[in-house]
Amino acid sequence: MRILYIMSNIEKYSDVLVDVELNTLAENITRLVSDAKTHLSQSINTTLVLTYWNIGKYIVEFEQEGNAKARYGTALLSSLAKLLRNKLGKGYSRPNLNNMRKFYLLYPICQTVSDKLSWSHICELITIDDDLERNFYEKECSNCLFLNTNCICQIKKN
């Protein structure tokens, strides 16, 4: 009887040990997948922001035709939006193209924001005309003092 009792306890202990090891394995895998998702999300955001900055650059350079200032009175953004929506789908409306253009004009060096801010942050920041105020909110958002939605709400309040 005593041998059966000892064997039974060993099996229970063994089951507990397997559960702990299995749980540790699951936690390690969960952490790995979570880190990969975070990295992927950041990579996609940086690529998207850089792409939109370059689209803004192309638009400004096309508008200026090598001149210091652009020609006004053309329907460039409306015409371009129509063409791009047909070729690329949603996301290339006239207002969004205007945001890309303004983004390029306000941030001539894209690396200053591309790794730090999302496109949603940038779209809110470019609505702020005052450079000092925009720089303040840019730093607040990039320092993660505000979450994305909190940062945007804070900007809209002011």
Protein backbone atom coordinates (compact mmCIF):
# COMPACT_ATOMS: atom_id res chain seq x y z
CA MET A 1 0.00 0.00 0.00
CA ARG A 2 2.75 2.37 0.93
CA ILE A 3 4.43 1.86 -2.44
CA LEU A 4 1.18 2.71 -4.26
CA TYR A 5 0.79 5.85 -2.14
CA ILE A 6 4.36 6.99 -2.97
CA MET A 7 3.86 6.23 -6.68
CA SER A 8 0.61 8.19 -6.67
CA ASN A 9 2.34 11.22 -5.11
CA ILE A 10 5.20 11.02 -7.61
CA GLU A 11 2.70 11.03 -10.49
CA LYS A 12 0.91 14.07 -9.03
CA TYR A 13 4.22 15.86 -8.54
CA SER A 14 5.23 14.97 -12.07
CA ASP A 15 1.94 16.33 -13.43
CA VAL A 16 2.42 19.60 -11.54
CA LEU A 17 5.97 19.92 -12.86
CA VAL A 18 4.78 19.35 -16.44
CA ASP A 19 2.02 21.95 -15.95
CA VAL A 20 4.54 24.52 -14.69
CA GLU A 21 6.97 23.82 -17.53
CA LEU A 22 4.17 23.90 -20.10
CA ASN A 23 2.88 27.18 -18.68
CA THR A 24 6.40 28.66 -18.86
CA LEU A 25 6.69 27.53 -22.48
CA ALA A 26 3.32 29.10 -23.29
CA GLU A 27 4.35 32.36 -21.60
CA ASN A 28 7.61 32.47 -23.58
CA ILE A 29 5.78 31.89 -26.85
CA THR A 30 3.15 34.50 -25.95
CA ARG A 31 5.87 37.06 -25.19
CA LEU A 32 7.66 36.26 -28.47
CA VAL A 33 4.50 36.66 -30.55
CA SER A 34 3.54 39.86 -28.72
CA ASP A 35 7.00 41.36 -29.30
CA ALA A 36 6.84 40.37 -32.98
CA LYS A 37 3.44 42.04 -33.36
CA THR A 38 4.73 45.22 -31.73
CA HIS A 39 7.80 45.27 -33.97
CA LEU A 40 5.69 44.61 -37.06
CA SER A 41 3.23 47.36 -36.12
CA GLN A 42 6.06 49.87 -35.61
CA SER A 43 7.69 48.85 -38.88
CA ILE A 44 4.43 49.23 -40.79
CA ASN A 45 3.78 52.63 -39.20
CA THR A 46 7.27 53.90 -40.05
CA THR A 47 6.93 52.69 -43.64
CA LEU A 48 3.48 54.23 -44.00
CA VAL A 49 4.60 57.60 -42.60
CA LEU A 50 7.68 57.62 -44.84
CA THR A 51 5.57 56.74 -47.88
CA TYR A 52 3.10 59.55 -47.16
CA TRP A 53 5.96 62.00 -46.67
CA ASN A 54 7.41 61.00 -50.05
CA ILE A 55 4.01 61.37 -51.71
CA GLY A 56 3.86 64.88 -50.24
CA LYS A 57 7.34 65.56 -51.60
CA TYR A 58 6.36 64.36 -55.09
CA ILE A 59 3.28 66.58 -55.05
CA VAL A 60 5.22 69.68 -53.93
CA GLU A 61 7.97 69.08 -56.49
CA PHE A 62 5.38 68.57 -59.23
CA GLU A 63 3.52 71.74 -58.20
CA GLN A 64 6.67 73.84 -58.14
CA GLU A 65 8.16 72.48 -61.38
CA GLY A 66 11.61 73.39 -60.05
CA ASN A 67 10.49 76.90 -58.99
CA ALA A 68 10.73 78.25 -55.46
CA LYS A 69 6.94 78.61 -55.25
CA ALA A 70 4.06 76.58 -56.61
CA ARG A 71 1.54 77.62 -59.24
CA TYR A 72 -1.89 78.14 -57.73
CA GLY A 73 -5.33 77.75 -59.22
CA THR A 74 -4.82 74.23 -60.54
CA ALA A 75 -6.99 71.30 -59.52
CA LEU A 76 -3.96 69.09 -59.06
CA LEU A 77 -4.99 67.39 -55.82
CA SER A 78 -8.55 66.69 -56.97
CA SER A 79 -7.37 65.22 -60.27
CA LEU A 80 -4.59 63.24 -58.63
CA ALA A 81 -6.97 61.92 -55.96
CA LYS A 82 -9.31 60.61 -58.62
CA LEU A 83 -6.47 58.85 -60.47
CA LEU A 84 -4.94 57.37 -57.32
CA ARG A 85 -8.28 56.13 -55.97
CA ASN A 86 -8.81 54.27 -59.25
CA LYS A 87 -5.32 52.76 -59.11
CA LEU A 88 -4.81 52.25 -55.36
CA GLY A 89 -8.25 52.35 -53.72
CA LYS A 90 -9.19 54.21 -50.56
CA GLY A 91 -6.84 56.47 -48.64
CA TYR A 92 -5.98 58.89 -51.44
CA SER A 93 -8.73 61.48 -51.16
CA ARG A 94 -8.03 65.12 -51.86
CA PRO A 95 -7.94 65.97 -48.10
CA ASN A 96 -5.53 63.09 -47.39
CA LEU A 97 -3.27 64.11 -50.29
CA ASN A 98 -3.35 67.64 -48.91
CA ASN A 99 -2.27 66.24 -45.50
CA MET A 100 0.65 64.45 -47.17
CA ARG A 101 1.64 67.63 -48.96
CA LYS A 102 1.41 69.69 -45.76
CA PHE A 103 3.33 67.00 -43.85
CA TYR A 104 6.23 67.30 -46.29
CA LEU A 105 6.19 71.10 -46.09
CA LEU A 106 6.11 71.20 -42.28
CA TYR A 107 8.63 68.40 -41.78
CA PRO A 108 11.31 68.69 -44.47
CA ILE A 109 13.31 65.97 -42.71
CA CYS A 110 10.99 63.00 -42.33
CA GLN A 111 13.21 61.08 -39.89
CA THR A 112 12.40 63.63 -37.20
CA VAL A 113 8.91 62.10 -36.84
CA SER A 114 8.65 58.89 -38.88
CA ASP A 115 9.89 56.59 -36.11
CA LYS A 116 8.06 58.36 -33.31
CA LEU A 117 4.56 59.25 -34.46
CA SER A 118 1.66 57.56 -36.19
CA TRP A 119 -0.09 59.01 -39.23
CA SER A 120 -3.03 59.89 -36.95
CA HIS A 121 -0.69 61.94 -34.74
CA ILE A 122 0.80 63.69 -37.75
CA CYS A 123 -2.61 64.53 -39.24
CA GLU A 124 -3.53 66.25 -35.98
CA LEU A 125 -0.17 67.98 -35.57
CA ILE A 126 -0.21 69.51 -39.05
CA THR A 127 -3.46 71.30 -38.21
CA ILE A 128 -1.56 73.39 -35.64
CA ASP A 129 -0.27 76.57 -37.28
CA ASP A 130 1.93 77.73 -34.42
CA ASP A 131 5.35 76.04 -34.69
CA LEU A 132 6.04 76.24 -30.96
CA GLU A 133 2.69 74.69 -30.05
CA ARG A 134 3.07 71.97 -32.70
CA ASN A 135 6.58 71.15 -31.42
CA PHE A 136 5.23 70.89 -27.87
CA TYR A 137 2.53 68.39 -28.85
CA GLU A 138 4.95 66.51 -31.07
CA LYS A 139 7.28 65.97 -28.12
CA GLU A 140 4.41 65.02 -25.83
CA CYS A 141 3.11 62.44 -28.29
CA SER A 142 6.53 61.02 -29.14
CA ASN A 143 7.45 60.70 -25.46
CA CYS A 144 4.31 58.59 -25.01
CA LEU A 145 3.03 60.89 -22.32
CA PHE A 146 -0.26 60.71 -24.19
CA LEU A 147 -1.61 57.58 -25.76
CA ASN A 148 -2.61 58.07 -29.39
CA THR A 149 -6.25 58.94 -28.66
CA ASN A 150 -5.38 61.00 -25.58
CA CYS A 151 -2.82 63.00 -27.54
CA ILE A 152 -5.31 63.71 -30.32
CA CYS A 153 -8.04 64.68 -27.84
CA GLN A 154 -5.62 66.98 -26.01
CA ILE A 155 -4.64 68.68 -29.28
CA LYS A 156 -8.30 69.12 -30.32
CA LYS A 157 -9.17 70.72 -26.95
CA ASN A 158 -6.68 73.54 -27.48
